[in-house]
Amino acid sequence: MVDQPGDSVNRAPFEVEQYETDGAVVLGVSGEVDMLSAPQLAEAIHAALAPQPAAVVVDLTKVEFLASAGLSVLVNGQAEVSPPTRFAVVADGPATSRPIKLMGIDSLLSLHRTLDNALSWIAGA
């Protein structure tokens, strides 16, 4: 069997790394967010929001593919937020910010090009 581009052998593994910086819980996501990995992202967002931190930032900088299932998770994550917690998404480029903007989800989310921009937005609140 010959590996074709896009085969799972060639994909970066899906991972969510959680850490805190500048008073925000950051979820650093990498790999592909599709129907198989989206539930893991949903659980990570839910767990990060549970203690009601000042802010949760979903950083998609290292995401190579964002499917509609991942977009739904982001919208649902935003819907789970209770004030005063703030929710931001970092996405830049064709794999992440493009689908978010094409679907009009950027009007529902606080979308930022860099983590520093998201953290500045949170600090300015």
C-alpha atoms as a PDB file:
ATOM      1  CA  MET A   1       0.000   0.000   0.000  1.00  0.00           C
ATOM      2  CA  VAL A   2       1.307   3.424  -0.965  1.00  0.00           C
ATOM      3  CA  ASP A   3       0.752   6.369   1.356  1.00  0.00           C
ATOM      4  CA  GLN A   4      -1.159   9.141  -0.347  1.00  0.00           C
ATOM      5  CA  PRO A   5      -1.073  12.806   0.649  1.00  0.00           C
ATOM      6  CA  GLY A   6      -3.649  13.270   3.368  1.00  0.00           C
ATOM      7  CA  ASP A   7      -3.323   9.732   4.735  1.00  0.00           C
ATOM      8  CA  SER A   8      -3.318   9.575   8.530  1.00  0.00           C
ATOM      9  CA  VAL A   9       0.355   8.553   8.412  1.00  0.00           C
ATOM     10  CA  ASN A  10       1.241  12.040   7.158  1.00  0.00           C
ATOM     11  CA  ARG A  11      -0.932  13.982   9.597  1.00  0.00           C
ATOM     12  CA  ALA A  12       0.300  15.692  12.710  1.00  0.00           C
ATOM     13  CA  PRO A  13      -1.345  14.141  15.748  1.00  0.00           C
ATOM     14  CA  PHE A  14      -4.206  16.074  17.310  1.00  0.00           C
ATOM     15  CA  GLU A  15      -3.214  17.536  20.675  1.00  0.00           C
ATOM     16  CA  VAL A  16      -4.517  20.105  23.144  1.00  0.00           C
ATOM     17  CA  GLU A  17      -1.995  21.603  25.540  1.00  0.00           C
ATOM     18  CA  GLN A  18      -3.413  23.631  28.432  1.00  0.00           C
ATOM     19  CA  TYR A  19      -1.390  26.290  30.233  1.00  0.00           C
ATOM     20  CA  GLU A  20      -1.912  29.628  31.952  1.00  0.00           C
ATOM     21  CA  THR A  21      -0.437  32.949  30.933  1.00  0.00           C
ATOM     22  CA  ASP A  22      -1.333  36.526  31.857  1.00  0.00           C
ATOM     23  CA  GLY A  23      -4.369  35.322  33.837  1.00  0.00           C
ATOM     24  CA  ALA A  24      -5.827  33.375  30.911  1.00  0.00           C
ATOM     25  CA  VAL A  25      -6.184  29.634  30.375  1.00  0.00           C
ATOM     26  CA  VAL A  26      -4.745  28.909  26.927  1.00  0.00           C
ATOM     27  CA  LEU A  27      -5.624  25.794  24.971  1.00  0.00           C
ATOM     28  CA  GLY A  28      -2.886  25.314  22.388  1.00  0.00           C
ATOM     29  CA  VAL A  29      -4.393  23.077  19.712  1.00  0.00           C
ATOM     30  CA  SER A  30      -2.338  21.301  17.043  1.00  0.00           C
ATOM     31  CA  GLY A  31      -3.027  18.850  14.236  1.00  0.00           C
ATOM     32  CA  GLU A  32      -6.403  18.476  12.558  1.00  0.00           C
ATOM     33  CA  VAL A  33      -9.731  19.340  14.151  1.00  0.00           C
ATOM     34  CA  ASP A  34     -12.259  17.093  12.445  1.00  0.00           C
ATOM     35  CA  MET A  35     -15.228  14.941  13.434  1.00  0.00           C
ATOM     36  CA  LEU A  36     -12.918  12.495  15.209  1.00  0.00           C
ATOM     37  CA  SER A  37     -10.934  15.026  17.244  1.00  0.00           C
ATOM     38  CA  ALA A  38     -13.602  17.721  17.769  1.00  0.00           C
ATOM     39  CA  PRO A  39     -15.104  15.941  20.818  1.00  0.00           C
ATOM     40  CA  GLN A  40     -11.679  16.054  22.498  1.00  0.00           C
ATOM     41  CA  LEU A  41     -11.469  19.795  21.858  1.00  0.00           C
ATOM     42  CA  ALA A  42     -15.006  20.250  23.184  1.00  0.00           C
ATOM     43  CA  GLU A  43     -14.078  18.421  26.387  1.00  0.00           C
ATOM     44  CA  ALA A  44     -10.900  20.513  26.784  1.00  0.00           C
ATOM     45  CA  ILE A  45     -12.893  23.757  26.395  1.00  0.00           C
ATOM     46  CA  HIS A  46     -15.573  22.540  28.818  1.00  0.00           C
ATOM     47  CA  ALA A  47     -12.925  21.557  31.391  1.00  0.00           C
ATOM     48  CA  ALA A  48     -11.103  24.878  30.997  1.00  0.00           C
ATOM     49  CA  LEU A  49     -14.329  26.845  31.514  1.00  0.00           C
ATOM     50  CA  ALA A  50     -15.516  24.815  34.535  1.00  0.00           C
ATOM     51  CA  PRO A  51     -13.544  26.730  37.208  1.00  0.00           C
ATOM     52  CA  GLN A  52     -14.705  30.044  35.628  1.00  0.00           C
ATOM     53  CA  PRO A  53     -11.296  31.543  34.855  1.00  0.00           C
ATOM     54  CA  ALA A  54     -10.941  35.176  33.813  1.00  0.00           C
ATOM     55  CA  ALA A  55     -10.430  34.062  30.220  1.00  0.00           C
ATOM     56  CA  VAL A  56     -10.061  31.043  27.961  1.00  0.00           C
ATOM     57  CA  VAL A  57      -8.130  31.365  24.709  1.00  0.00           C
ATOM     58  CA  VAL A  58      -8.284  28.633  22.081  1.00  0.00           C
ATOM     59  CA  ASP A  59      -5.062  28.985  20.092  1.00  0.00           C
ATOM     60  CA  LEU A  60      -5.425  27.362  16.656  1.00  0.00           C
ATOM     61  CA  THR A  61      -2.035  28.591  15.375  1.00  0.00           C
ATOM     62  CA  LYS A  62      -0.731  25.020  14.937  1.00  0.00           C
ATOM     63  CA  VAL A  63      -3.945  23.588  13.472  1.00  0.00           C
ATOM     64  CA  GLU A  64      -3.525  22.275   9.926  1.00  0.00           C
ATOM     65  CA  PHE A  65      -7.205  21.608   9.170  1.00  0.00           C
ATOM     66  CA  LEU A  66     -10.408  22.905  10.769  1.00  0.00           C
ATOM     67  CA  ALA A  67     -13.555  21.021   9.757  1.00  0.00           C
ATOM     68  CA  SER A  68     -17.152  22.063  10.370  1.00  0.00           C
ATOM     69  CA  ALA A  69     -17.189  19.891  13.504  1.00  0.00           C
ATOM     70  CA  GLY A  70     -14.404  22.061  14.915  1.00  0.00           C
ATOM     71  CA  LEU A  71     -16.259  25.236  14.000  1.00  0.00           C
ATOM     72  CA  SER A  72     -19.297  23.933  15.899  1.00  0.00           C
ATOM     73  CA  VAL A  73     -17.134  23.236  18.945  1.00  0.00           C
ATOM     74  CA  LEU A  74     -15.885  26.837  18.942  1.00  0.00           C
ATOM     75  CA  VAL A  75     -19.414  28.250  18.699  1.00  0.00           C
ATOM     76  CA  ASN A  76     -20.626  25.916  21.456  1.00  0.00           C
ATOM     77  CA  GLY A  77     -17.622  26.868  23.591  1.00  0.00           C
ATOM     78  CA  GLN A  78     -18.522  30.534  23.237  1.00  0.00           C
ATOM     79  CA  ALA A  79     -22.107  29.685  24.244  1.00  0.00           C
ATOM     80  CA  GLU A  80     -20.846  27.970  27.427  1.00  0.00           C
ATOM     81  CA  VAL A  81     -19.078  31.100  28.661  1.00  0.00           C
ATOM     82  CA  SER A  82     -20.556  32.841  31.685  1.00  0.00           C
ATOM     83  CA  PRO A  83     -19.516  36.404  32.538  1.00  0.00           C
ATOM     84  CA  PRO A  84     -17.093  37.588  33.678  1.00  0.00           C
ATOM     85  CA  THR A  85     -15.121  34.889  31.823  1.00  0.00           C
ATOM     86  CA  ARG A  86     -14.019  35.956  28.348  1.00  0.00           C
ATOM     87  CA  PHE A  87     -13.484  33.611  25.394  1.00  0.00           C
ATOM     88  CA  ALA A  88     -11.141  34.258  22.487  1.00  0.00           C
ATOM     89  CA  VAL A  89      -9.898  32.313  19.482  1.00  0.00           C
ATOM     90  CA  VAL A  90      -6.508  32.733  17.827  1.00  0.00           C
ATOM     91  CA  ALA A  91      -6.573  31.835  14.150  1.00  0.00           C
ATOM     92  CA  ASP A  92      -4.583  33.147  11.216  1.00  0.00           C
ATOM     93  CA  GLY A  93      -4.250  31.697   7.760  1.00  0.00           C
ATOM     94  CA  PRO A  94      -6.162  29.603   5.263  1.00  0.00           C
ATOM     95  CA  ALA A  95      -6.538  26.503   7.444  1.00  0.00           C
ATOM     96  CA  THR A  96      -8.223  28.244  10.380  1.00  0.00           C
ATOM     97  CA  SER A  97      -9.284  31.863  10.016  1.00  0.00           C
ATOM     98  CA  ARG A  98     -10.549  31.376   6.465  1.00  0.00           C
ATOM     99  CA  PRO A  99     -13.231  28.788   7.321  1.00  0.00           C
ATOM    100  CA  ILE A 100     -14.198  30.789  10.418  1.00  0.00           C
ATOM    101  CA  LYS A 101     -14.700  33.910   8.299  1.00  0.00           C
ATOM    102  CA  LEU A 102     -16.371  32.091   5.386  1.00  0.00           C
ATOM    103  CA  MET A 103     -18.987  30.648   7.725  1.00  0.00           C
ATOM    104  CA  GLY A 104     -19.551  34.044   9.384  1.00  0.00           C
ATOM    105  CA  ILE A 105     -18.498  32.677  12.762  1.00  0.00           C
ATOM    106  CA  ASP A 106     -16.065  35.575  13.223  1.00  0.00           C
ATOM    107  CA  SER A 107     -19.132  37.676  14.125  1.00  0.00           C
ATOM    108  CA  LEU A 108     -19.837  35.309  17.050  1.00  0.00           C
ATOM    109  CA  LEU A 109     -16.286  34.861  18.329  1.00  0.00           C
ATOM    110  CA  SER A 110     -13.575  37.204  19.486  1.00  0.00           C
ATOM    111  CA  LEU A 111     -11.112  36.279  16.728  1.00  0.00           C
ATOM    112  CA  HIS A 112      -7.445  37.321  16.899  1.00  0.00           C
ATOM    113  CA  ARG A 113      -4.449  36.840  14.604  1.00  0.00           C
ATOM    114  CA  THR A 114      -1.958  36.186  17.428  1.00  0.00           C
ATOM    115  CA  LEU A 115      -1.977  35.028  21.038  1.00  0.00           C
ATOM    116  CA  ASP A 116      -0.491  38.382  22.070  1.00  0.00           C
ATOM    117  CA  ASN A 117      -3.435  40.193  20.419  1.00  0.00           C
ATOM    118  CA  ALA A 118      -5.915  37.965  22.249  1.00  0.00           C
ATOM    119  CA  LEU A 119      -4.177  38.518  25.584  1.00  0.00           C
ATOM    120  CA  SER A 120      -4.123  42.277  24.989  1.00  0.00           C
ATOM    121  CA  TRP A 121      -7.863  42.210  24.233  1.00  0.00           C
ATOM    122  CA  ILE A 122      -8.483  40.315  27.478  1.00  0.00           C
ATOM    123  CA  ALA A 123      -6.290  42.695  29.490  1.00  0.00           C
ATOM    124  CA  GLY A 124      -8.081  45.712  28.026  1.00  0.00           C
ATOM    125  CA  ALA A 125     -11.486  44.449  29.113  1.00  0.00           C
END
